[in-house]
């Protein structure tokens, strides 16, 4: 992977995190951000916590060595975090992605010794970067449908 490709991926991640912020703003009220729609298991608030925690862990802590300590269980159990705080966490994740992807030695992207989830072991970090990007897009789509379902918009 070349620097310009990594910067392109960072721009996509930043764009999708900004869209996640916009989706949160489009909910009619704070309560609806935390509602769980019939047939689903997560609220938009939960997905925002999960996506920021996911990126802060894998990009920030593992690749950028930021010292961030992830509490994945809390991402799925914490409730009623104000929208403004959720959006701040998404902006923090975007900033970390921009900073780390802009400065990480490209050799680290070829490393296969990072602590990935079991199914991604023995893959270079460049592969996992693509996974993180598509994972974010998947959850952004879920939040969009969730909001439209709850609001009728």
N, C-alpha and C. Protein backbone atom coordinates (compact mmCIF):
# COMPACT_ATOMS: atom_id res chain seq x y z
N UNK A 1 0.85 -1.17 0.00
CA UNK A 1 0.00 0.00 0.00
C UNK A 1 0.90 1.23 0.00
N UNK A 2 0.54 2.20 -0.81
CA UNK A 2 1.30 3.45 -0.91
C UNK A 2 0.66 4.53 -0.03
N UNK A 3 1.43 5.57 0.28
CA UNK A 3 0.94 6.64 1.16
C UNK A 3 -0.34 7.27 0.62
N UNK A 4 -0.39 7.55 -0.68
CA UNK A 4 -1.60 8.19 -1.22
C UNK A 4 -2.83 7.28 -1.10
N UNK A 5 -2.64 5.98 -1.18
CA UNK A 5 -3.77 5.05 -1.01
C UNK A 5 -4.25 5.07 0.44
N UNK A 6 -3.32 5.11 1.36
CA UNK A 6 -3.69 5.17 2.77
C UNK A 6 -4.40 6.49 3.09
N UNK A 7 -3.93 7.57 2.49
CA UNK A 7 -4.58 8.87 2.70
C UNK A 7 -5.99 8.87 2.10
N UNK A 8 -6.18 8.19 0.96
CA UNK A 8 -7.51 8.07 0.37
C UNK A 8 -8.45 7.31 1.31
N UNK A 9 -7.95 6.24 1.89
CA UNK A 9 -8.77 5.46 2.83
C UNK A 9 -9.09 6.31 4.06
N UNK A 10 -8.12 7.07 4.54
CA UNK A 10 -8.37 7.96 5.68
C UNK A 10 -9.48 8.94 5.35
N UNK A 11 -9.47 9.50 4.14
CA UNK A 11 -10.53 10.44 3.74
C UNK A 11 -11.89 9.77 3.72
N UNK A 12 -11.95 8.53 3.27
CA UNK A 12 -13.23 7.80 3.26
C UNK A 12 -13.71 7.57 4.69
N UNK A 13 -12.82 7.15 5.56
CA UNK A 13 -13.19 6.94 6.96
C UNK A 13 -13.65 8.25 7.59
N UNK A 14 -12.90 9.33 7.37
CA UNK A 14 -13.30 10.63 7.91
C UNK A 14 -14.67 11.06 7.38
N UNK A 15 -14.89 10.88 6.09
CA UNK A 15 -16.18 11.22 5.48
C UNK A 15 -17.30 10.45 6.15
N UNK A 16 -17.10 9.15 6.34
CA UNK A 16 -18.16 8.32 6.92
C UNK A 16 -18.38 8.63 8.40
N UNK A 17 -17.34 8.99 9.11
CA UNK A 17 -17.52 9.41 10.50
C UNK A 17 -18.30 10.73 10.55
N UNK A 18 -18.02 11.64 9.63
CA UNK A 18 -18.78 12.90 9.56
C UNK A 18 -20.24 12.62 9.22
N UNK A 19 -20.48 11.67 8.34
CA UNK A 19 -21.86 11.29 8.02
C UNK A 19 -22.56 10.66 9.21
N UNK A 20 -21.81 9.90 10.00
CA UNK A 20 -22.39 9.32 11.22
C UNK A 20 -22.80 10.46 12.16
N UNK A 21 -21.96 11.48 12.27
CA UNK A 21 -22.33 12.65 13.09
C UNK A 21 -23.61 13.30 12.57
N UNK A 22 -23.72 13.45 11.26
CA UNK A 22 -24.91 14.04 10.65
C UNK A 22 -26.15 13.20 10.93
N UNK A 23 -25.99 11.89 10.84
CA UNK A 23 -27.12 11.01 11.13
C UNK A 23 -27.58 11.21 12.57
N UNK A 24 -26.65 11.29 13.51
CA UNK A 24 -27.02 11.49 14.91
C UNK A 24 -27.76 12.81 15.08
N UNK A 25 -27.32 13.85 14.37
CA UNK A 25 -27.99 15.15 14.44
C UNK A 25 -29.40 15.10 13.88
N UNK A 26 -29.64 14.21 12.95
CA UNK A 26 -30.95 14.14 12.28
C UNK A 26 -32.01 13.41 13.11
N UNK A 27 -31.61 12.73 14.18
CA UNK A 27 -32.60 12.09 15.04
C UNK A 27 -33.44 13.19 15.70
N UNK A 28 -34.73 12.93 15.89
CA UNK A 28 -35.60 13.97 16.44
C UNK A 28 -35.28 14.38 17.88
N UNK A 29 -34.67 13.48 18.65
CA UNK A 29 -34.35 13.81 20.04
C UNK A 29 -33.32 12.82 20.57
N UNK A 30 -32.81 13.13 21.76
CA UNK A 30 -31.78 12.28 22.38
C UNK A 30 -32.29 10.86 22.63
N UNK A 31 -33.51 10.75 23.07
CA UNK A 31 -34.08 9.44 23.39
C UNK A 31 -34.09 8.50 22.19
N UNK A 32 -34.41 9.03 21.03
CA UNK A 32 -34.49 8.18 19.84
C UNK A 32 -33.12 7.67 19.40
N UNK A 33 -32.06 8.40 19.74
CA UNK A 33 -30.70 7.93 19.43
C UNK A 33 -30.42 6.61 20.14
N UNK A 34 -31.08 6.42 21.29
CA UNK A 34 -30.84 5.24 22.11
C UNK A 34 -31.95 4.20 21.99
N UNK A 35 -32.93 4.44 21.12
CA UNK A 35 -34.00 3.46 20.91
C UNK A 35 -33.49 2.29 20.10
N UNK A 36 -34.01 1.13 20.41
CA UNK A 36 -33.68 -0.06 19.64
C UNK A 36 -34.93 -0.42 18.83
N UNK A 37 -34.80 -0.37 17.53
CA UNK A 37 -35.93 -0.64 16.64
C UNK A 37 -36.28 -2.12 16.66
N UNK A 38 -37.53 -2.44 16.45
CA UNK A 38 -37.93 -3.85 16.39
C UNK A 38 -37.09 -4.62 15.37
N UNK A 39 -36.65 -5.79 15.76
CA UNK A 39 -35.86 -6.64 14.88
C UNK A 39 -34.38 -6.29 14.86
N UNK A 40 -33.96 -5.32 15.69
CA UNK A 40 -32.54 -4.97 15.76
C UNK A 40 -32.04 -5.15 17.18
N UNK A 41 -30.75 -5.10 17.34
CA UNK A 41 -30.17 -5.29 18.67
C UNK A 41 -29.42 -4.07 19.18
N UNK A 42 -29.11 -3.11 18.29
CA UNK A 42 -28.31 -1.96 18.68
C UNK A 42 -29.00 -0.65 18.33
N UNK A 43 -28.77 0.34 19.17
CA UNK A 43 -29.23 1.69 18.88
C UNK A 43 -28.15 2.42 18.09
N UNK A 44 -28.50 3.59 17.58
CA UNK A 44 -27.51 4.42 16.89
C UNK A 44 -26.41 4.85 17.86
N UNK A 45 -26.78 5.13 19.10
CA UNK A 45 -25.79 5.51 20.10
C UNK A 45 -24.78 4.41 20.33
N UNK A 46 -25.27 3.18 20.42
CA UNK A 46 -24.38 2.04 20.61
C UNK A 46 -23.43 1.90 19.42
N UNK A 47 -23.96 2.03 18.22
CA UNK A 47 -23.11 1.89 17.03
C UNK A 47 -22.08 3.01 16.94
N UNK A 48 -22.44 4.22 17.36
CA UNK A 48 -21.47 5.31 17.37
C UNK A 48 -20.35 5.03 18.37
N UNK A 49 -20.71 4.54 19.55
CA UNK A 49 -19.68 4.18 20.54
C UNK A 49 -18.79 3.06 20.01
N UNK A 50 -19.40 2.08 19.38
CA UNK A 50 -18.65 0.95 18.85
C UNK A 50 -17.69 1.39 17.74
N UNK A 51 -18.16 2.23 16.83
CA UNK A 51 -17.29 2.61 15.73
C UNK A 51 -16.14 3.51 16.19
N UNK A 52 -16.40 4.42 17.10
CA UNK A 52 -15.30 5.24 17.58
C UNK A 52 -14.31 4.38 18.37
N UNK A 53 -14.81 3.50 19.23
CA UNK A 53 -13.93 2.62 20.01
C UNK A 53 -13.13 1.69 19.13
N UNK A 54 -13.75 1.17 18.10
CA UNK A 54 -13.10 0.26 17.16
C UNK A 54 -11.91 0.95 16.48
N UNK A 55 -12.13 2.15 15.96
CA UNK A 55 -11.06 2.86 15.27
C UNK A 55 -9.99 3.37 16.23
N UNK A 56 -10.42 3.86 17.39
CA UNK A 56 -9.43 4.32 18.37
C UNK A 56 -8.54 3.18 18.84
N UNK A 57 -9.10 1.96 18.88
CA UNK A 57 -8.31 0.80 19.29
C UNK A 57 -7.38 0.33 18.17
N UNK A 58 -7.97 -0.04 17.02
CA UNK A 58 -7.15 -0.65 15.98
C UNK A 58 -6.21 0.32 15.29
N UNK A 59 -6.70 1.50 14.95
CA UNK A 59 -5.83 2.47 14.29
C UNK A 59 -4.99 3.22 15.32
N UNK A 60 -5.66 3.72 16.36
CA UNK A 60 -4.95 4.52 17.36
C UNK A 60 -3.99 3.71 18.19
N UNK A 61 -4.52 2.76 18.96
CA UNK A 61 -3.69 2.02 19.92
C UNK A 61 -2.73 1.04 19.24
N UNK A 62 -3.24 0.22 18.32
CA UNK A 62 -2.37 -0.80 17.74
C UNK A 62 -1.41 -0.26 16.71
N UNK A 63 -1.91 0.56 15.79
CA UNK A 63 -1.04 1.05 14.73
C UNK A 63 -0.31 2.33 15.14
N UNK A 64 -1.02 3.23 15.79
CA UNK A 64 -0.42 4.52 16.14
C UNK A 64 0.18 4.60 17.53
N UNK A 65 -0.01 3.54 18.32
CA UNK A 65 0.54 3.47 19.67
C UNK A 65 0.17 4.69 20.51
N UNK A 66 -1.15 5.03 20.48
CA UNK A 66 -1.65 6.21 21.20
C UNK A 66 -1.85 5.97 22.68
N UNK A 67 -1.91 4.71 23.09
CA UNK A 67 -2.16 4.40 24.49
C UNK A 67 -3.63 4.23 24.81
N UNK A 68 -4.49 4.38 23.82
CA UNK A 68 -5.94 4.19 24.04
C UNK A 68 -6.19 2.78 24.53
N UNK A 69 -7.03 2.65 25.55
CA UNK A 69 -7.39 1.33 26.08
C UNK A 69 -8.87 1.12 25.82
N UNK A 70 -9.16 0.10 25.07
CA UNK A 70 -10.53 -0.17 24.65
C UNK A 70 -11.29 -0.96 25.71
N UNK A 71 -12.55 -0.60 25.86
CA UNK A 71 -13.48 -1.35 26.69
C UNK A 71 -14.67 -1.71 25.80
N UNK A 72 -14.49 -2.76 25.00
CA UNK A 72 -15.49 -3.14 24.01
C UNK A 72 -16.84 -3.45 24.66
N UNK A 73 -16.84 -4.11 25.80
CA UNK A 73 -18.10 -4.41 26.47
C UNK A 73 -18.86 -3.13 26.80
N UNK A 74 -18.14 -2.10 27.20
CA UNK A 74 -18.78 -0.83 27.54
C UNK A 74 -19.38 -0.18 26.30
N UNK A 75 -18.74 -0.37 25.13
CA UNK A 75 -19.29 0.17 23.88
C UNK A 75 -20.72 -0.32 23.66
N UNK A 76 -20.99 -1.54 24.10
CA UNK A 76 -22.30 -2.14 23.87
C UNK A 76 -23.22 -2.06 25.08
N UNK A 77 -22.71 -1.61 26.22
CA UNK A 77 -23.56 -1.54 27.42
C UNK A 77 -23.84 -0.11 27.88
N UNK A 78 -22.99 0.82 27.53
CA UNK A 78 -23.18 2.21 27.95
C UNK A 78 -24.43 2.78 27.28
N UNK A 79 -25.19 3.57 28.01
CA UNK A 79 -26.43 4.14 27.50
C UNK A 79 -26.52 5.62 27.83
N UNK A 80 -27.37 6.28 27.08
CA UNK A 80 -27.74 7.68 27.34
C UNK A 80 -26.56 8.65 27.34
N UNK A 81 -25.56 8.35 26.55
CA UNK A 81 -24.47 9.29 26.34
C UNK A 81 -25.05 10.41 25.45
N UNK A 82 -24.88 11.66 25.83
CA UNK A 82 -25.44 12.74 25.01
C UNK A 82 -24.89 12.73 23.58
N UNK A 83 -25.75 13.12 22.66
CA UNK A 83 -25.37 13.16 21.25
C UNK A 83 -24.07 13.94 21.03
N UNK A 84 -23.95 15.07 21.70
CA UNK A 84 -22.74 15.89 21.53
C UNK A 84 -21.48 15.11 21.91
N UNK A 85 -21.57 14.29 22.94
CA UNK A 85 -20.41 13.49 23.34
C UNK A 85 -20.14 12.38 22.32
N UNK A 86 -21.19 11.75 21.81
CA UNK A 86 -21.01 10.74 20.77
C UNK A 86 -20.31 11.36 19.56
N UNK A 87 -20.77 12.53 19.18
CA UNK A 87 -20.18 13.20 18.02
C UNK A 87 -18.73 13.60 18.29
N UNK A 88 -18.42 14.01 19.50
CA UNK A 88 -17.04 14.33 19.86
C UNK A 88 -16.15 13.09 19.76
N UNK A 89 -16.67 11.95 20.18
CA UNK A 89 -15.88 10.71 20.09
C UNK A 89 -15.64 10.34 18.63
N UNK A 90 -16.63 10.55 17.77
CA UNK A 90 -16.46 10.28 16.34
C UNK A 90 -15.41 11.22 15.74
N UNK A 91 -15.43 12.48 16.13
CA UNK A 91 -14.42 13.43 15.65
C UNK A 91 -13.03 13.06 16.15
N UNK A 92 -12.96 12.58 17.39
CA UNK A 92 -11.67 12.13 17.92
C UNK A 92 -11.14 10.96 17.10
N UNK A 93 -12.00 10.02 16.77
CA UNK A 93 -11.59 8.88 15.95
C UNK A 93 -11.11 9.35 14.58
N UNK A 94 -11.82 10.31 13.98
CA UNK A 94 -11.41 10.83 12.67
C UNK A 94 -10.04 11.50 12.76
N UNK A 95 -9.80 12.23 13.82
CA UNK A 95 -8.52 12.89 14.01
C UNK A 95 -7.39 11.88 14.17
N UNK A 96 -7.65 10.83 14.93
CA UNK A 96 -6.63 9.79 15.13
C UNK A 96 -6.34 9.08 13.81
N UNK A 97 -7.37 8.75 13.05
CA UNK A 97 -7.17 8.10 11.75
C UNK A 97 -6.32 9.00 10.85
N UNK A 98 -6.67 10.27 10.77
CA UNK A 98 -5.92 11.22 9.93
C UNK A 98 -4.45 11.29 10.37
N UNK A 99 -4.23 11.44 11.68
CA UNK A 99 -2.86 11.58 12.18
C UNK A 99 -2.04 10.31 11.98
N UNK A 100 -2.62 9.18 12.35
CA UNK A 100 -1.88 7.91 12.26
C UNK A 100 -1.63 7.54 10.81
N UNK A 101 -2.65 7.61 9.97
CA UNK A 101 -2.46 7.23 8.57
C UNK A 101 -1.51 8.19 7.85
N UNK A 102 -1.41 9.42 8.34
CA UNK A 102 -0.50 10.39 7.72
C UNK A 102 0.94 10.23 8.12
N UNK A 103 1.18 9.46 9.19
CA UNK A 103 2.55 9.38 9.69
C UNK A 103 3.09 7.97 9.88
N UNK A 104 2.24 6.97 9.84
CA UNK A 104 2.71 5.61 10.12
C UNK A 104 3.71 5.15 9.05
N UNK A 105 4.79 4.54 9.46
CA UNK A 105 5.71 3.98 8.46
C UNK A 105 4.98 2.91 7.64
N UNK A 106 5.10 2.99 6.34
CA UNK A 106 4.38 2.07 5.46
C UNK A 106 4.77 0.61 5.72
N UNK A 107 5.95 0.38 6.26
CA UNK A 107 6.37 -0.99 6.57
C UNK A 107 5.45 -1.63 7.62
N UNK A 108 4.91 -0.79 8.52
CA UNK A 108 4.00 -1.32 9.55
C UNK A 108 2.74 -1.90 8.93
N UNK A 109 2.37 -1.41 7.77
CA UNK A 109 1.16 -1.91 7.11
C UNK A 109 1.34 -3.33 6.57
N UNK A 110 2.58 -3.73 6.44
CA UNK A 110 2.86 -5.08 5.95
C UNK A 110 3.06 -6.07 7.09
N UNK A 111 3.05 -5.56 8.31
CA UNK A 111 3.27 -6.36 9.50
C UNK A 111 2.10 -7.33 9.70
N UNK A 112 2.39 -8.56 10.04
CA UNK A 112 1.34 -9.55 10.30
C UNK A 112 1.30 -9.95 11.77
N UNK A 113 1.95 -9.20 12.64
CA UNK A 113 1.99 -9.60 14.04
C UNK A 113 1.05 -8.79 14.93
N UNK A 114 0.24 -7.89 14.35
CA UNK A 114 -0.68 -7.08 15.15
C UNK A 114 -1.74 -7.97 15.80
N UNK A 115 -2.34 -7.45 16.86
CA UNK A 115 -3.34 -8.19 17.62
C UNK A 115 -4.74 -8.02 17.02
N UNK A 116 -4.99 -8.69 15.92
CA UNK A 116 -6.28 -8.61 15.26
C UNK A 116 -7.22 -9.65 15.82
N UNK A 117 -8.51 -9.47 15.54
CA UNK A 117 -9.44 -10.55 15.90
C UNK A 117 -8.99 -11.85 15.22
N UNK A 118 -9.32 -12.94 15.81
CA UNK A 118 -8.84 -14.26 15.37
C UNK A 118 -8.90 -14.45 13.85
N UNK A 119 -10.00 -14.10 13.23
CA UNK A 119 -10.16 -14.42 11.80
C UNK A 119 -9.26 -13.58 10.90
N UNK A 120 -8.58 -12.57 11.44
CA UNK A 120 -7.72 -11.73 10.61
C UNK A 120 -6.23 -11.92 10.91
N UNK A 121 -5.91 -12.84 11.76
CA UNK A 121 -4.49 -13.06 12.07
C UNK A 121 -3.76 -13.51 10.80
N UNK A 122 -2.51 -13.20 10.77
CA UNK A 122 -1.63 -13.53 9.65
C UNK A 122 -1.97 -12.75 8.39
N UNK A 123 -2.72 -11.67 8.53
CA UNK A 123 -2.98 -10.77 7.41
C UNK A 123 -2.21 -9.48 7.69
N UNK A 124 -1.74 -8.80 6.66
CA UNK A 124 -1.06 -7.52 6.91
C UNK A 124 -2.07 -6.46 7.36
N UNK A 125 -1.57 -5.43 8.02
CA UNK A 125 -2.46 -4.38 8.51
C UNK A 125 -3.18 -3.70 7.36
N UNK A 126 -2.57 -3.64 6.18
CA UNK A 126 -3.24 -3.02 5.03
C UNK A 126 -4.56 -3.73 4.73
N UNK A 127 -4.61 -5.04 4.90
CA UNK A 127 -5.87 -5.77 4.72
C UNK A 127 -6.88 -5.34 5.78
N UNK A 128 -6.41 -5.22 7.01
CA UNK A 128 -7.31 -4.88 8.10
C UNK A 128 -7.83 -3.44 7.97
N UNK A 129 -7.02 -2.54 7.40
CA UNK A 129 -7.47 -1.18 7.15
C UNK A 129 -8.70 -1.20 6.24
N UNK A 130 -8.68 -2.04 5.23
CA UNK A 130 -9.84 -2.16 4.34
C UNK A 130 -11.04 -2.72 5.10
N UNK A 131 -10.80 -3.68 5.96
CA UNK A 131 -11.89 -4.23 6.77
C UNK A 131 -12.49 -3.13 7.65
N UNK A 132 -11.67 -2.33 8.31
CA UNK A 132 -12.17 -1.27 9.17
C UNK A 132 -13.03 -0.28 8.39
N UNK A 133 -12.63 0.02 7.18
CA UNK A 133 -13.36 0.96 6.33
C UNK A 133 -14.74 0.41 5.97
N UNK A 134 -14.79 -0.84 5.57
CA UNK A 134 -16.09 -1.43 5.19
C UNK A 134 -16.96 -1.67 6.43
N UNK A 135 -16.35 -1.99 7.55
CA UNK A 135 -17.09 -2.18 8.80
C UNK A 135 -17.80 -0.89 9.20
N UNK A 136 -17.09 0.22 9.09
CA UNK A 136 -17.68 1.52 9.39
C UNK A 136 -18.84 1.81 8.44
N UNK A 137 -18.65 1.55 7.16
CA UNK A 137 -19.71 1.81 6.17
C UNK A 137 -20.94 0.98 6.47
N UNK A 138 -20.75 -0.26 6.86
CA UNK A 138 -21.86 -1.14 7.21
C UNK A 138 -22.69 -0.55 8.36
N UNK A 139 -22.01 -0.12 9.41
CA UNK A 139 -22.72 0.43 10.56
C UNK A 139 -23.33 1.80 10.25
N UNK A 140 -22.70 2.58 9.40
CA UNK A 140 -23.29 3.85 8.98
C UNK A 140 -24.62 3.59 8.28
N UNK A 141 -24.66 2.60 7.42
CA UNK A 141 -25.92 2.23 6.74
C UNK A 141 -26.98 1.79 7.74
N UNK A 142 -26.57 1.03 8.75
CA UNK A 142 -27.53 0.61 9.78
C UNK A 142 -28.11 1.81 10.51
N UNK A 143 -27.29 2.78 10.85
CA UNK A 143 -27.77 3.96 11.55
C UNK A 143 -28.72 4.75 10.66
N UNK A 144 -28.41 4.86 9.38
CA UNK A 144 -29.28 5.57 8.46
C UNK A 144 -30.66 4.92 8.40
N UNK A 145 -30.72 3.62 8.24
CA UNK A 145 -32.01 2.92 8.21
C UNK A 145 -32.72 3.01 9.55
N UNK A 146 -31.98 2.89 10.63
CA UNK A 146 -32.56 2.98 11.97
C UNK A 146 -33.23 4.34 12.16
N UNK A 147 -32.53 5.41 11.80
CA UNK A 147 -33.09 6.76 11.95
C UNK A 147 -34.34 6.94 11.10
N UNK A 148 -34.27 6.51 9.86
CA UNK A 148 -35.43 6.68 8.98
C UNK A 148 -36.60 5.83 9.44
N UNK A 149 -36.34 4.66 9.97
CA UNK A 149 -37.40 3.80 10.48
C UNK A 149 -38.09 4.46 11.67
N UNK A 150 -37.29 4.97 12.60
CA UNK A 150 -37.86 5.56 13.82
C UNK A 150 -38.54 6.90 13.56
N UNK A 151 -38.00 7.68 12.61
CA UNK A 151 -38.54 9.02 12.39
C UNK A 151 -39.56 9.09 11.27
N UNK A 152 -39.61 8.05 10.45
CA UNK A 152 -40.51 8.08 9.30
C UNK A 152 -39.99 8.96 8.19
N UNK A 153 -38.74 9.40 8.31
CA UNK A 153 -38.11 10.29 7.32
C UNK A 153 -37.52 9.50 6.19
